[in-house]
């Protein structure tokens, strides 16, 4: 597995990652989500051995990745930047990576290229943004690494190409037990490919767990009381022992976002004798928004053209 142990990284005196720790099991699909500048790309560069941690350890199967050629050839990093590939054609780029990845498969690359219409002898500088992403991701898959790191790899792809790349990644997971780590702002990819994810904010890991656990621990709750029932404040409802992330009240109807076990939540709020008590599943995007809202990210209104935190 890949393990981060109390990893700190700073640039020009500014801390980007602050003592973060988490594990990514082999054979999983892991998503990195977070606000802009949270440190997602830095984490991928640490995983691939591009960066060295200032303190702590980044380990692959218990051994450091940085300055380890044996470990680096097990990891392929598809960066969010493509300018470094502009002078290459797909064929020359494949030949370049064959020098470093002994399991590189020409047959697999040919199979993928047959499904698309990318020119193999034109420099990547002539490609569109989406075509570059597509080409480099296919090269990464053809290298057959044990760990494939994708930084916004779906950015610029049209819907048909997104579907194709998703299927290619899922096939490699099933056939080769490849571990895929995706950093993206598009939570659709996380939802459709990944089985676990980490939320990064303000230089630290907010959570790192399976998507099933994430979804099962947060819910929308709709409560309705008789019109003559006393009104409840957020603080009064929290006295049930429930963590309330979001609170809205419209007359006698309450819309909450809460954390906790579904059965326990129903028992707690049923004790208040509502006429309606409904738990509604949240999408991954909603979970992401509400988690960051609690941390104060994006929770602003504008007064006199100036943002003011709510």
Protein backbone atom coordinates (compact mmCIF):
# COMPACT_ATOMS: atom_id res chain seq x y z
CA UNK A 1 0.00 0.00 0.00
CA UNK A 2 0.92 3.68 -0.13
CA UNK A 3 1.23 5.24 3.33
CA UNK A 4 1.57 8.84 4.42
CA UNK A 5 2.92 9.13 7.95
CA UNK A 6 2.82 12.61 9.52
CA UNK A 7 3.85 14.22 6.22
CA UNK A 8 4.51 17.96 6.11
CA UNK A 9 5.40 19.92 2.97
CA UNK A 10 5.96 23.66 2.53
CA UNK A 11 6.97 25.91 -0.36
CA UNK A 12 8.65 29.28 0.21
CA UNK A 13 7.75 29.12 3.87
CA UNK A 14 4.06 28.43 3.24
CA UNK A 15 2.76 25.11 4.58
CA UNK A 16 0.81 23.13 1.97
CA UNK A 17 0.43 19.87 3.92
CA UNK A 18 0.50 19.77 7.71
CA UNK A 19 1.31 16.41 9.35
CA UNK A 20 -1.11 14.36 7.23
CA UNK A 21 -1.48 10.59 7.62
CA UNK A 22 -3.55 8.11 5.59
CA UNK A 23 -3.21 4.79 3.74
CA UNK A 24 -4.25 3.67 0.25
CA UNK A 25 -4.66 -0.14 0.01
CA UNK A 26 -3.36 -1.88 -3.09
CA UNK A 27 -5.98 -2.70 -5.70
CA UNK A 28 -8.33 0.11 -4.67
CA UNK A 29 -9.57 3.21 -6.47
CA UNK A 30 -8.94 6.21 -4.27
CA UNK A 31 -10.18 9.78 -4.77
CA UNK A 32 -8.63 13.02 -3.57
CA UNK A 33 -11.18 15.81 -3.19
CA UNK A 34 -10.82 19.26 -1.73
CA UNK A 35 -10.89 22.99 -2.24
CA UNK A 36 -8.55 24.78 -4.66
CA UNK A 37 -5.04 24.91 -3.25
CA UNK A 38 -5.80 22.25 -0.63
CA UNK A 39 -2.71 20.22 -1.57
CA UNK A 40 -4.14 17.46 -3.79
CA UNK A 41 -1.51 17.85 -6.54
CA UNK A 42 1.26 18.06 -3.93
CA UNK A 43 0.09 14.73 -2.48
CA UNK A 44 0.31 13.10 -5.93
CA UNK A 45 3.79 14.52 -6.51
CA UNK A 46 4.89 13.12 -3.14
CA UNK A 47 3.40 9.73 -4.06
CA UNK A 48 5.30 9.65 -7.35
CA UNK A 49 8.60 10.74 -5.81
CA UNK A 50 8.71 14.11 -7.57
CA UNK A 51 8.73 15.87 -4.20
CA UNK A 52 10.43 14.86 -0.96
CA UNK A 53 8.50 15.47 2.28
CA UNK A 54 9.96 18.08 4.62
CA UNK A 55 9.11 15.77 7.50
CA UNK A 56 7.33 12.46 7.87
CA UNK A 57 7.39 9.56 5.42
CA UNK A 58 5.75 8.60 2.12
CA UNK A 59 6.08 4.82 1.79
CA UNK A 60 5.28 2.24 -0.86
CA UNK A 61 5.01 -1.19 0.77
CA UNK A 62 6.98 0.16 3.72
CA UNK A 63 9.83 1.67 1.68
CA UNK A 64 10.40 5.35 0.74
CA UNK A 65 9.39 6.39 -2.78
CA UNK A 66 11.68 9.41 -3.13
CA UNK A 67 15.11 8.51 -4.63
CA UNK A 68 14.00 4.89 -5.14
CA UNK A 69 14.12 3.84 -8.83
CA UNK A 70 12.68 0.42 -7.94
CA UNK A 71 9.59 2.01 -6.41
CA UNK A 72 9.26 4.82 -8.96
CA UNK A 73 8.88 2.35 -11.84
CA UNK A 74 5.83 0.94 -10.02
CA UNK A 75 4.11 4.35 -10.09
CA UNK A 76 2.98 6.41 -13.11
CA UNK A 77 1.93 10.03 -12.59
CA UNK A 78 -0.33 11.77 -15.14
CA UNK A 79 0.17 15.42 -14.26
CA UNK A 80 -2.36 18.20 -14.76
CA UNK A 81 0.31 19.93 -16.88
CA UNK A 82 1.09 18.72 -20.41
CA UNK A 83 3.60 21.27 -21.72
CA UNK A 84 6.51 18.89 -21.00
CA UNK A 85 5.16 16.49 -23.65
CA UNK A 86 4.69 18.99 -26.50
CA UNK A 87 7.68 17.87 -28.58
CA UNK A 88 6.71 14.18 -28.36
CA UNK A 89 4.47 12.17 -30.64
CA UNK A 90 2.46 9.34 -29.11
CA UNK A 91 4.95 6.85 -30.57
CA UNK A 92 8.05 8.70 -29.34
CA UNK A 93 6.47 9.19 -25.90
CA UNK A 94 5.75 5.46 -25.71
CA UNK A 95 9.38 4.69 -26.63
CA UNK A 96 10.58 7.11 -23.93
CA UNK A 97 8.54 5.47 -21.18
CA UNK A 98 9.57 1.97 -22.27
CA UNK A 99 13.03 2.84 -20.91
CA UNK A 100 11.61 3.18 -17.38
CA UNK A 101 8.61 0.84 -17.30
CA UNK A 102 9.63 -2.75 -18.11
CA UNK A 103 6.01 -3.92 -18.35
CA UNK A 104 5.06 -1.33 -21.02
CA UNK A 105 2.69 -3.01 -23.49
CA UNK A 106 2.68 -1.93 -27.16
CA UNK A 107 -0.24 -4.29 -27.74
CA UNK A 108 -2.33 -2.63 -25.03
CA UNK A 109 -1.52 0.84 -26.39
CA UNK A 110 -2.47 -0.24 -29.91
CA UNK A 111 -5.72 -1.70 -28.61
CA UNK A 112 -6.61 1.60 -26.92
CA UNK A 113 -5.59 3.72 -29.89
CA UNK A 114 -7.90 1.70 -32.16
CA UNK A 115 -10.83 2.96 -30.06
CA UNK A 116 -9.95 6.63 -30.68
CA UNK A 117 -8.80 8.76 -33.58
CA UNK A 118 -5.57 10.23 -32.24
CA UNK A 119 -2.71 10.80 -34.72
CA UNK A 120 0.33 8.83 -33.57
CA UNK A 121 3.00 10.71 -35.57
CA UNK A 122 2.03 14.33 -34.87
CA UNK A 123 3.56 16.23 -31.92
CA UNK A 124 1.30 16.63 -28.91
CA UNK A 125 1.68 20.42 -29.28
CA UNK A 126 -0.83 20.14 -32.15
CA UNK A 127 -3.38 18.34 -29.94
CA UNK A 128 -6.30 19.93 -28.11
CA UNK A 129 -6.30 19.89 -24.31
CA UNK A 130 -8.62 16.89 -24.20
CA UNK A 131 -6.58 14.98 -26.79
CA UNK A 132 -3.39 15.52 -24.77
CA UNK A 133 -5.05 14.22 -21.59
CA UNK A 134 -6.40 11.24 -23.46
CA UNK A 135 -3.04 10.39 -25.04
CA UNK A 136 -1.00 10.68 -21.84
CA UNK A 137 -3.55 8.70 -19.81
CA UNK A 138 -3.39 5.91 -22.39
CA UNK A 139 0.41 5.93 -22.21
CA UNK A 140 0.12 5.66 -18.43
CA UNK A 141 -2.23 2.69 -18.69
CA UNK A 142 0.01 1.00 -21.29
CA UNK A 143 2.98 1.36 -18.93
CA UNK A 144 1.10 -1.07 -16.67
CA UNK A 145 2.22 0.42 -13.36
CA UNK A 146 0.96 -0.96 -10.08
CA UNK A 147 -0.16 2.55 -9.09
CA UNK A 148 -1.61 5.03 -11.60
CA UNK A 149 -1.93 8.63 -10.34
CA UNK A 150 -4.29 10.93 -12.24
CA UNK A 151 -4.34 14.68 -11.60
CA UNK A 152 -7.46 16.14 -13.26
CA UNK A 153 -7.01 13.57 -16.03
CA UNK A 154 -10.66 13.89 -17.14
CA UNK A 155 -10.43 17.65 -17.57
CA UNK A 156 -11.12 18.62 -21.19
CA UNK A 157 -12.51 15.24 -22.24
CA UNK A 158 -15.88 15.12 -23.97
CA UNK A 159 -18.57 12.81 -22.47
CA UNK A 160 -17.80 9.93 -24.85
CA UNK A 161 -14.08 10.06 -24.03
CA UNK A 162 -14.80 10.30 -20.29
CA UNK A 163 -16.81 7.10 -20.56
CA UNK A 164 -14.05 5.37 -22.54
CA UNK A 165 -11.27 6.39 -20.12
CA UNK A 166 -13.39 5.32 -17.11
CA UNK A 167 -13.92 1.90 -18.69
CA UNK A 168 -10.21 1.52 -19.47
CA UNK A 169 -9.32 2.28 -15.86
CA UNK A 170 -11.92 -0.12 -14.46
CA UNK A 171 -10.70 -2.87 -16.82
CA UNK A 172 -7.10 -2.47 -15.59
CA UNK A 173 -8.24 -2.61 -11.98
CA UNK A 174 -10.12 -5.84 -12.60
CA UNK A 175 -7.50 -7.49 -14.84
CA UNK A 176 -4.25 -6.32 -13.21
CA UNK A 177 -5.29 -5.26 -9.69
CA UNK A 178 -3.97 -1.79 -10.54
CA UNK A 179 -4.39 0.87 -7.84
CA UNK A 180 -5.86 4.11 -9.21
CA UNK A 181 -5.61 7.42 -7.38
CA UNK A 182 -7.63 10.30 -8.82
CA UNK A 183 -7.52 13.99 -7.96
CA UNK A 184 -10.43 15.85 -9.53
CA UNK A 185 -12.98 18.60 -9.02
CA UNK A 186 -15.55 16.50 -10.89
CA UNK A 187 -17.13 14.31 -8.23
CA UNK A 188 -18.87 12.22 -10.89
CA UNK A 189 -15.56 10.47 -11.57
CA UNK A 190 -14.97 9.85 -7.86
CA UNK A 191 -18.50 8.49 -7.50
CA UNK A 192 -18.30 6.19 -10.53
CA UNK A 193 -14.74 4.86 -10.16
CA UNK A 194 -13.57 5.15 -6.56
CA UNK A 195 -14.38 2.97 -3.57
CA UNK A 196 -12.77 5.32 -1.03
CA UNK A 197 -11.78 8.98 -0.82
CA UNK A 198 -10.01 11.59 1.28
CA UNK A 199 -11.20 15.17 1.77
CA UNK A 200 -8.34 17.67 2.06
CA UNK A 201 -8.82 21.19 3.38
CA UNK A 202 -6.63 23.81 5.01
CA UNK A 203 -3.45 21.68 4.72
CA UNK A 204 -4.91 18.63 6.46
CA UNK A 205 -7.00 15.50 5.94
CA UNK A 206 -10.61 16.00 7.08
CA UNK A 207 -11.51 12.35 6.50
CA UNK A 208 -10.23 9.31 4.62
CA UNK A 209 -12.61 6.36 4.35
CA UNK A 210 -14.78 4.28 2.02
CA UNK A 211 -17.51 6.00 0.04
CA UNK A 212 -20.07 3.67 1.60
CA UNK A 213 -19.03 4.86 5.07
CA UNK A 214 -19.07 8.49 3.95
CA UNK A 215 -22.59 8.20 2.55
CA UNK A 216 -23.96 6.18 5.46
CA UNK A 217 -22.76 8.71 8.03
CA UNK A 218 -24.41 11.86 6.66
CA UNK A 219 -28.08 12.46 5.83
CA UNK A 220 -30.66 15.05 5.00
CA UNK A 221 -33.36 15.04 7.65
CA UNK A 222 -36.81 16.53 7.14
CA UNK A 223 -38.90 17.11 10.23
CA UNK A 224 -42.42 18.49 10.40
CA UNK A 225 -44.35 19.26 13.58
CA UNK A 226 -47.96 20.24 14.27
CA UNK A 227 -48.52 23.96 13.78
CA UNK A 228 -49.18 24.41 17.51
CA UNK A 229 -45.92 22.65 18.52
CA UNK A 230 -43.14 24.74 20.10
CA UNK A 231 -40.39 25.94 17.76
CA UNK A 232 -36.94 24.37 18.04
CA UNK A 233 -33.61 26.09 17.59
CA UNK A 234 -30.57 24.37 16.09
CA UNK A 235 -29.05 24.18 19.56
CA UNK A 236 -32.15 22.53 21.03
CA UNK A 237 -32.22 19.88 18.31
CA UNK A 238 -28.50 19.27 18.82
CA UNK A 239 -29.30 18.37 22.45
CA UNK A 240 -30.53 15.04 21.09
CA UNK A 241 -26.81 14.23 20.75
CA UNK A 242 -26.77 14.85 17.01
CA UNK A 243 -24.11 16.73 15.04
CA UNK A 244 -26.02 19.18 12.83
CA UNK A 245 -24.09 20.53 9.85
CA UNK A 246 -26.91 22.54 8.29
CA UNK A 247 -30.15 23.95 9.70
CA UNK A 248 -33.12 25.55 7.95
CA UNK A 249 -36.60 26.22 9.30
CA UNK A 250 -39.69 27.06 7.27
CA UNK A 251 -42.67 27.53 9.58
CA UNK A 252 -43.13 24.12 11.26
CA UNK A 253 -40.88 22.23 8.81
CA UNK A 254 -37.15 21.73 9.49
CA UNK A 255 -34.51 20.79 6.92
CA UNK A 256 -31.31 19.50 8.51
CA UNK A 257 -28.07 17.90 7.40
CA UNK A 258 -26.90 15.59 10.18
CA UNK A 259 -24.21 13.05 10.94
CA UNK A 260 -24.82 9.68 12.53
CA UNK A 261 -26.23 6.19 12.18
CA UNK A 262 -29.58 6.08 10.40
CA UNK A 263 -31.42 4.01 13.01
CA UNK A 264 -30.09 6.06 15.92
CA UNK A 265 -31.10 9.30 14.22
CA UNK A 266 -34.64 8.04 13.65
CA UNK A 267 -34.94 7.01 17.31
CA UNK A 268 -33.64 10.34 18.60
CA UNK A 269 -35.91 12.53 16.54
CA UNK A 270 -38.97 10.29 16.79
CA UNK A 271 -38.85 11.00 20.53
CA UNK A 272 -39.80 14.61 19.66
CA UNK A 273 -43.08 13.30 18.14
CA UNK A 274 -42.87 14.89 14.68
CA UNK A 275 -45.63 14.20 12.17
CA UNK A 276 -42.95 13.71 9.50
CA UNK A 277 -39.43 12.34 10.05
CA UNK A 278 -37.71 11.47 6.76
CA UNK A 279 -34.06 10.67 6.12
CA UNK A 280 -32.92 11.39 2.56
CA UNK A 281 -29.57 10.22 1.07
CA UNK A 282 -27.04 12.89 0.14
CA UNK A 283 -25.03 12.93 -3.07
CA UNK A 284 -21.24 12.93 -2.80
CA UNK A 285 -21.23 16.53 -4.05
CA UNK A 286 -23.64 17.59 -1.29
CA UNK A 287 -21.50 15.84 1.33
CA UNK A 288 -18.44 17.67 0.02
CA UNK A 289 -20.25 21.05 0.12
CA UNK A 290 -21.66 20.61 3.63
CA UNK A 291 -18.37 19.33 5.07
CA UNK A 292 -16.55 22.39 3.74
CA UNK A 293 -19.38 24.72 4.77
CA UNK A 294 -18.87 23.63 8.38
CA UNK A 295 -15.18 24.50 8.00
CA UNK A 296 -16.11 27.98 6.74
CA UNK A 297 -15.11 27.43 3.09
CA UNK A 298 -17.42 29.15 0.60
CA UNK A 299 -19.85 30.14 3.35
CA UNK A 300 -20.07 33.82 2.45
CA UNK A 301 -22.56 36.53 1.63
CA UNK A 302 -21.75 39.83 -0.05
CA UNK A 303 -22.32 43.12 1.72
CA UNK A 304 -21.38 46.36 -0.07
CA UNK A 305 -19.52 44.26 -2.69
CA UNK A 306 -17.33 42.69 0.00
CA UNK A 307 -17.46 38.97 1.01
CA UNK A 308 -18.49 38.45 4.62
CA UNK A 309 -18.31 35.05 6.33
CA UNK A 310 -21.68 33.80 7.61
